């Protein structure tokens, strides 16, 4: 569950990004910084632990910022999170920001799982039909999952379209089990 605090910080930064017409740039910068923290467990634990001094945390954050090419606004926002003892919610802030950005840009993220790799033509066909279905620009993440046996599983937000052979076999098994 994402906290209301995360949503408020994300909304505030998103509104600034909207005013400056830098929605995607600021998102990329935030997610770049958040991924560095997420990939380093020791760093993540250090920043989340209230036992360590704020000054130490701020120094570490500033050293990371110095190695990245971030805009002044993103730097100020990250420093604000440290000052307000909220740097540990950065991952949730990034998720909320992305949701706001996707809504504004009329984008939807779609997860596609297939038993076998899809050709470029098939990927384009699926994406264009999903764009017609959703009325939004589709950003697809395609994954091969041999356990599906065949077919395709598409996740659009909270909706799952499961056309896999594995699912069809499970449905038949359940129907046959009920018939006994």
C-alpha atoms as a PDB file:
ATOM      1  CA  UNK A   1       0.000   0.000   0.000  1.00  0.00           C
ATOM      2  CA  UNK A   2       1.261   3.419  -0.926  1.00  0.00           C
ATOM      3  CA  UNK A   3       0.836   6.012   1.791  1.00  0.00           C
ATOM      4  CA  UNK A   4      -0.955   9.327   1.453  1.00  0.00           C
ATOM      5  CA  UNK A   5       2.335  11.030   2.328  1.00  0.00           C
ATOM      6  CA  UNK A   6       3.979   9.480  -0.741  1.00  0.00           C
ATOM      7  CA  UNK A   7       1.066  10.638  -2.887  1.00  0.00           C
ATOM      8  CA  UNK A   8       1.304  14.185  -1.544  1.00  0.00           C
ATOM      9  CA  UNK A   9       5.025  14.449  -2.247  1.00  0.00           C
ATOM     10  CA  UNK A  10       4.560  12.905  -5.693  1.00  0.00           C
ATOM     11  CA  UNK A  11       1.661  15.257  -6.465  1.00  0.00           C
ATOM     12  CA  UNK A  12       3.659  18.325  -5.388  1.00  0.00           C
ATOM     13  CA  UNK A  13       6.673  17.373  -7.515  1.00  0.00           C
ATOM     14  CA  UNK A  14       4.398  16.382 -10.396  1.00  0.00           C
ATOM     15  CA  UNK A  15       2.682  19.782 -10.342  1.00  0.00           C
ATOM     16  CA  UNK A  16       6.057  21.520 -10.524  1.00  0.00           C
ATOM     17  CA  UNK A  17       7.058  19.255 -13.423  1.00  0.00           C
ATOM     18  CA  UNK A  18       3.783  20.053 -15.177  1.00  0.00           C
ATOM     19  CA  UNK A  19       4.344  23.796 -14.817  1.00  0.00           C
ATOM     20  CA  UNK A  20       7.874  23.452 -16.179  1.00  0.00           C
ATOM     21  CA  UNK A  21       6.770  20.989 -18.897  1.00  0.00           C
ATOM     22  CA  UNK A  22       9.344  18.448 -17.707  1.00  0.00           C
ATOM     23  CA  UNK A  23       7.100  15.504 -16.785  1.00  0.00           C
ATOM     24  CA  UNK A  24       9.157  12.725 -18.318  1.00  0.00           C
ATOM     25  CA  UNK A  25      12.548  14.284 -17.609  1.00  0.00           C
ATOM     26  CA  UNK A  26      11.837  14.637 -13.891  1.00  0.00           C
ATOM     27  CA  UNK A  27      10.384  11.140 -13.770  1.00  0.00           C
ATOM     28  CA  UNK A  28      13.495   9.699 -15.413  1.00  0.00           C
ATOM     29  CA  UNK A  29      15.732  11.525 -12.942  1.00  0.00           C
ATOM     30  CA  UNK A  30      13.712  10.422  -9.915  1.00  0.00           C
ATOM     31  CA  UNK A  31      13.538   6.813 -11.048  1.00  0.00           C
ATOM     32  CA  UNK A  32      17.275   6.800 -11.836  1.00  0.00           C
ATOM     33  CA  UNK A  33      18.093   7.934  -8.297  1.00  0.00           C
ATOM     34  CA  UNK A  34      15.524   5.559  -6.759  1.00  0.00           C
ATOM     35  CA  UNK A  35      16.919   2.591  -8.688  1.00  0.00           C
ATOM     36  CA  UNK A  36      20.413   3.281  -7.337  1.00  0.00           C
ATOM     37  CA  UNK A  37      19.026   3.165  -3.807  1.00  0.00           C
ATOM     38  CA  UNK A  38      16.893   0.092  -4.508  1.00  0.00           C
ATOM     39  CA  UNK A  39      19.835  -1.826  -6.004  1.00  0.00           C
ATOM     40  CA  UNK A  40      22.046  -1.242  -2.980  1.00  0.00           C
ATOM     41  CA  UNK A  41      20.494  -2.852   0.103  1.00  0.00           C
ATOM     42  CA  UNK A  42      23.049  -1.358   2.498  1.00  0.00           C
ATOM     43  CA  UNK A  43      22.399   2.139   1.155  1.00  0.00           C
ATOM     44  CA  UNK A  44      18.636   1.609   1.281  1.00  0.00           C
ATOM     45  CA  UNK A  45      18.823   0.369   4.886  1.00  0.00           C
ATOM     46  CA  UNK A  46      21.089   3.285   5.859  1.00  0.00           C
ATOM     47  CA  UNK A  47      18.729   5.919   4.423  1.00  0.00           C
ATOM     48  CA  UNK A  48      15.639   4.277   5.946  1.00  0.00           C
ATOM     49  CA  UNK A  49      17.139   3.855   9.422  1.00  0.00           C
ATOM     50  CA  UNK A  50      16.203   6.719  11.784  1.00  0.00           C
ATOM     51  CA  UNK A  51      19.219   5.955  14.008  1.00  0.00           C
ATOM     52  CA  UNK A  52      21.641   7.589  11.557  1.00  0.00           C
ATOM     53  CA  UNK A  53      22.042  11.363  11.555  1.00  0.00           C
ATOM     54  CA  UNK A  54      20.321  13.438   8.904  1.00  0.00           C
ATOM     55  CA  UNK A  55      23.618  15.156   8.094  1.00  0.00           C
ATOM     56  CA  UNK A  56      25.222  11.794   7.246  1.00  0.00           C
ATOM     57  CA  UNK A  57      22.281  10.868   5.066  1.00  0.00           C
ATOM     58  CA  UNK A  58      22.360  14.240   3.348  1.00  0.00           C
ATOM     59  CA  UNK A  59      26.088  13.884   2.624  1.00  0.00           C
ATOM     60  CA  UNK A  60      25.573  10.441   1.081  1.00  0.00           C
ATOM     61  CA  UNK A  61      22.658  11.670  -1.032  1.00  0.00           C
ATOM     62  CA  UNK A  62      24.711  14.651  -2.208  1.00  0.00           C
ATOM     63  CA  UNK A  63      27.590  12.347  -3.211  1.00  0.00           C
ATOM     64  CA  UNK A  64      25.211  10.222  -5.284  1.00  0.00           C
ATOM     65  CA  UNK A  65      23.643  13.337  -6.821  1.00  0.00           C
ATOM     66  CA  UNK A  66      27.101  14.626  -7.777  1.00  0.00           C
ATOM     67  CA  UNK A  67      27.692  11.497  -9.887  1.00  0.00           C
ATOM     68  CA  UNK A  68      24.385  11.880 -11.748  1.00  0.00           C
ATOM     69  CA  UNK A  69      23.266  14.545 -14.172  1.00  0.00           C
ATOM     70  CA  UNK A  70      20.116  15.763 -12.463  1.00  0.00           C
ATOM     71  CA  UNK A  71      18.230  19.012 -12.860  1.00  0.00           C
ATOM     72  CA  UNK A  72      18.250  21.559 -10.053  1.00  0.00           C
ATOM     73  CA  UNK A  73      14.583  20.891  -9.310  1.00  0.00           C
ATOM     74  CA  UNK A  74      15.107  17.146  -8.867  1.00  0.00           C
ATOM     75  CA  UNK A  75      18.141  17.785  -6.664  1.00  0.00           C
ATOM     76  CA  UNK A  76      16.115  20.178  -4.501  1.00  0.00           C
ATOM     77  CA  UNK A  77      13.296  17.643  -4.234  1.00  0.00           C
ATOM     78  CA  UNK A  78      15.645  14.839  -3.180  1.00  0.00           C
ATOM     79  CA  UNK A  79      17.274  17.089  -0.578  1.00  0.00           C
ATOM     80  CA  UNK A  80      13.824  18.043   0.690  1.00  0.00           C
ATOM     81  CA  UNK A  81      12.975  14.369   1.156  1.00  0.00           C
ATOM     82  CA  UNK A  82      16.150  13.915   3.204  1.00  0.00           C
ATOM     83  CA  UNK A  83      15.503  17.057   5.274  1.00  0.00           C
ATOM     84  CA  UNK A  84      11.915  15.976   5.998  1.00  0.00           C
ATOM     85  CA  UNK A  85      13.097  12.429   6.863  1.00  0.00           C
ATOM     86  CA  UNK A  86      11.117  11.018   3.942  1.00  0.00           C
ATOM     87  CA  UNK A  87      13.866   9.696   1.658  1.00  0.00           C
ATOM     88  CA  UNK A  88      12.782   6.169   2.571  1.00  0.00           C
ATOM     89  CA  UNK A  89       9.482   6.672   0.684  1.00  0.00           C
ATOM     90  CA  UNK A  90      11.190   7.644  -2.581  1.00  0.00           C
ATOM     91  CA  UNK A  91      10.230   4.362  -4.273  1.00  0.00           C
ATOM     92  CA  UNK A  92       6.545   4.967  -3.533  1.00  0.00           C
ATOM     93  CA  UNK A  93       6.838   8.595  -4.641  1.00  0.00           C
ATOM     94  CA  UNK A  94       8.228   7.406  -7.984  1.00  0.00           C
ATOM     95  CA  UNK A  95       5.318   4.965  -8.422  1.00  0.00           C
ATOM     96  CA  UNK A  96       2.744   7.672  -7.658  1.00  0.00           C
ATOM     97  CA  UNK A  97       4.477  10.197  -9.906  1.00  0.00           C
ATOM     98  CA  UNK A  98       4.425   7.667 -12.751  1.00  0.00           C
ATOM     99  CA  UNK A  99       0.697   7.088 -12.259  1.00  0.00           C
ATOM    100  CA  UNK A 100       0.032  10.840 -12.416  1.00  0.00           C
ATOM    101  CA  UNK A 101       2.249  11.146 -15.494  1.00  0.00           C
ATOM    102  CA  UNK A 102       0.607   8.219 -17.287  1.00  0.00           C
ATOM    103  CA  UNK A 103      -2.833   9.641 -16.600  1.00  0.00           C
ATOM    104  CA  UNK A 104      -1.837  13.054 -17.941  1.00  0.00           C
ATOM    105  CA  UNK A 105      -0.053  11.666 -21.020  1.00  0.00           C
ATOM    106  CA  UNK A 106      -2.851   9.129 -21.631  1.00  0.00           C
ATOM    107  CA  UNK A 107      -0.515   6.155 -21.404  1.00  0.00           C
ATOM    108  CA  UNK A 108      -1.127   2.667 -20.113  1.00  0.00           C
ATOM    109  CA  UNK A 109       1.431   0.033 -19.187  1.00  0.00           C
ATOM    110  CA  UNK A 110       0.683  -3.453 -20.362  1.00  0.00           C
ATOM    111  CA  UNK A 111       2.354  -6.721 -19.377  1.00  0.00           C
ATOM    112  CA  UNK A 112       2.318  -9.377 -22.064  1.00  0.00           C
ATOM    113  CA  UNK A 113       3.382 -12.957 -21.364  1.00  0.00           C
ATOM    114  CA  UNK A 114       3.728 -15.478 -24.134  1.00  0.00           C
ATOM    115  CA  UNK A 115       4.950 -19.045 -24.293  1.00  0.00           C
ATOM    116  CA  UNK A 116       7.159 -18.217 -27.279  1.00  0.00           C
ATOM    117  CA  UNK A 117       8.935 -15.059 -28.491  1.00  0.00           C
ATOM    118  CA  UNK A 118       6.728 -12.767 -30.581  1.00  0.00           C
ATOM    119  CA  UNK A 119       7.759 -11.394 -33.960  1.00  0.00           C
ATOM    120  CA  UNK A 120       7.914  -7.622 -34.341  1.00  0.00           C
ATOM    121  CA  UNK A 121       4.795  -7.721 -36.545  1.00  0.00           C
ATOM    122  CA  UNK A 122       2.865  -9.645 -33.883  1.00  0.00           C
ATOM    123  CA  UNK A 123       4.043  -7.248 -31.140  1.00  0.00           C
ATOM    124  CA  UNK A 124       2.915  -4.259 -33.220  1.00  0.00           C
ATOM    125  CA  UNK A 125      -0.433  -5.953 -33.937  1.00  0.00           C
ATOM    126  CA  UNK A 126      -1.057  -6.611 -30.230  1.00  0.00           C
ATOM    127  CA  UNK A 127      -0.020  -3.091 -29.223  1.00  0.00           C
ATOM    128  CA  UNK A 128      -2.185  -1.405 -31.877  1.00  0.00           C
ATOM    129  CA  UNK A 129      -5.239  -3.452 -30.833  1.00  0.00           C
ATOM    130  CA  UNK A 130      -4.609  -2.675 -27.155  1.00  0.00           C
ATOM    131  CA  UNK A 131      -4.389   1.026 -28.031  1.00  0.00           C
ATOM    132  CA  UNK A 132      -7.798   0.755 -29.731  1.00  0.00           C
ATOM    133  CA  UNK A 133      -9.206  -1.134 -26.733  1.00  0.00           C
ATOM    134  CA  UNK A 134      -7.880   1.271 -24.090  1.00  0.00           C
ATOM    135  CA  UNK A 135      -7.951   4.529 -26.042  1.00  0.00           C
ATOM    136  CA  UNK A 136      -4.450   5.248 -24.720  1.00  0.00           C
ATOM    137  CA  UNK A 137      -0.868   4.964 -25.857  1.00  0.00           C
ATOM    138  CA  UNK A 138       0.396   1.517 -24.837  1.00  0.00           C
ATOM    139  CA  UNK A 139       3.803   0.816 -23.375  1.00  0.00           C
ATOM    140  CA  UNK A 140       4.172  -2.952 -23.499  1.00  0.00           C
ATOM    141  CA  UNK A 141       6.510  -5.107 -21.445  1.00  0.00           C
ATOM    142  CA  UNK A 142       6.804  -8.455 -23.174  1.00  0.00           C
ATOM    143  CA  UNK A 143       7.995 -11.535 -21.315  1.00  0.00           C
ATOM    144  CA  UNK A 144       8.443 -15.129 -22.431  1.00  0.00           C
ATOM    145  CA  UNK A 145       6.953 -17.677 -20.027  1.00  0.00           C
ATOM    146  CA  UNK A 146       7.275 -21.280 -21.301  1.00  0.00           C
ATOM    147  CA  UNK A 147       5.021 -22.521 -18.462  1.00  0.00           C
ATOM    148  CA  UNK A 148       2.026 -21.086 -20.369  1.00  0.00           C
ATOM    149  CA  UNK A 149       2.424 -23.912 -22.943  1.00  0.00           C
ATOM    150  CA  UNK A 150       0.901 -21.658 -25.615  1.00  0.00           C
ATOM    151  CA  UNK A 151      -1.322 -18.618 -26.015  1.00  0.00           C
ATOM    152  CA  UNK A 152      -0.954 -15.250 -24.358  1.00  0.00           C
ATOM    153  CA  UNK A 153      -1.672 -13.478 -21.060  1.00  0.00           C
ATOM    154  CA  UNK A 154      -2.149  -9.705 -21.123  1.00  0.00           C
ATOM    155  CA  UNK A 155      -2.362  -7.527 -18.018  1.00  0.00           C
ATOM    156  CA  UNK A 156      -3.794  -4.030 -18.448  1.00  0.00           C
ATOM    157  CA  UNK A 157      -3.955  -2.302 -15.092  1.00  0.00           C
ATOM    158  CA  UNK A 158      -6.113  -4.487 -12.841  1.00  0.00           C
ATOM    159  CA  UNK A 159      -7.573  -6.464 -15.761  1.00  0.00           C
ATOM    160  CA  UNK A 160      -6.051  -9.769 -16.838  1.00  0.00           C
ATOM    161  CA  UNK A 161      -6.833 -11.318 -20.218  1.00  0.00           C
ATOM    162  CA  UNK A 162      -5.716 -14.937 -19.974  1.00  0.00           C
ATOM    163  CA  UNK A 163      -5.763 -16.777 -23.283  1.00  0.00           C
ATOM    164  CA  UNK A 164      -3.073 -19.268 -22.328  1.00  0.00           C
ATOM    165  CA  UNK A 165      -3.373 -22.972 -22.994  1.00  0.00           C
ATOM    166  CA  UNK A 166      -2.364 -23.590 -19.385  1.00  0.00           C
ATOM    167  CA  UNK A 167      -5.424 -21.634 -18.202  1.00  0.00           C
ATOM    168  CA  UNK A 168      -7.713 -23.406 -20.682  1.00  0.00           C
ATOM    169  CA  UNK A 169      -6.468 -26.805 -19.489  1.00  0.00           C
ATOM    170  CA  UNK A 170      -7.037 -25.780 -15.860  1.00  0.00           C
ATOM    171  CA  UNK A 171     -10.582 -24.666 -16.735  1.00  0.00           C
ATOM    172  CA  UNK A 172     -11.285 -28.006 -18.440  1.00  0.00           C
ATOM    173  CA  UNK A 173      -9.847 -29.885 -15.464  1.00  0.00           C
ATOM    174  CA  UNK A 174     -12.130 -27.939 -13.116  1.00  0.00           C
ATOM    175  CA  UNK A 175     -15.187 -28.568 -15.312  1.00  0.00           C
ATOM    176  CA  UNK A 176     -14.431 -32.288 -15.532  1.00  0.00           C
ATOM    177  CA  UNK A 177     -13.861 -32.421 -11.766  1.00  0.00           C
ATOM    178  CA  UNK A 178     -17.255 -30.822 -11.156  1.00  0.00           C
ATOM    179  CA  UNK A 179     -18.979 -33.256 -13.552  1.00  0.00           C
ATOM    180  CA  UNK A 180     -17.998 -36.268 -11.451  1.00  0.00           C
END
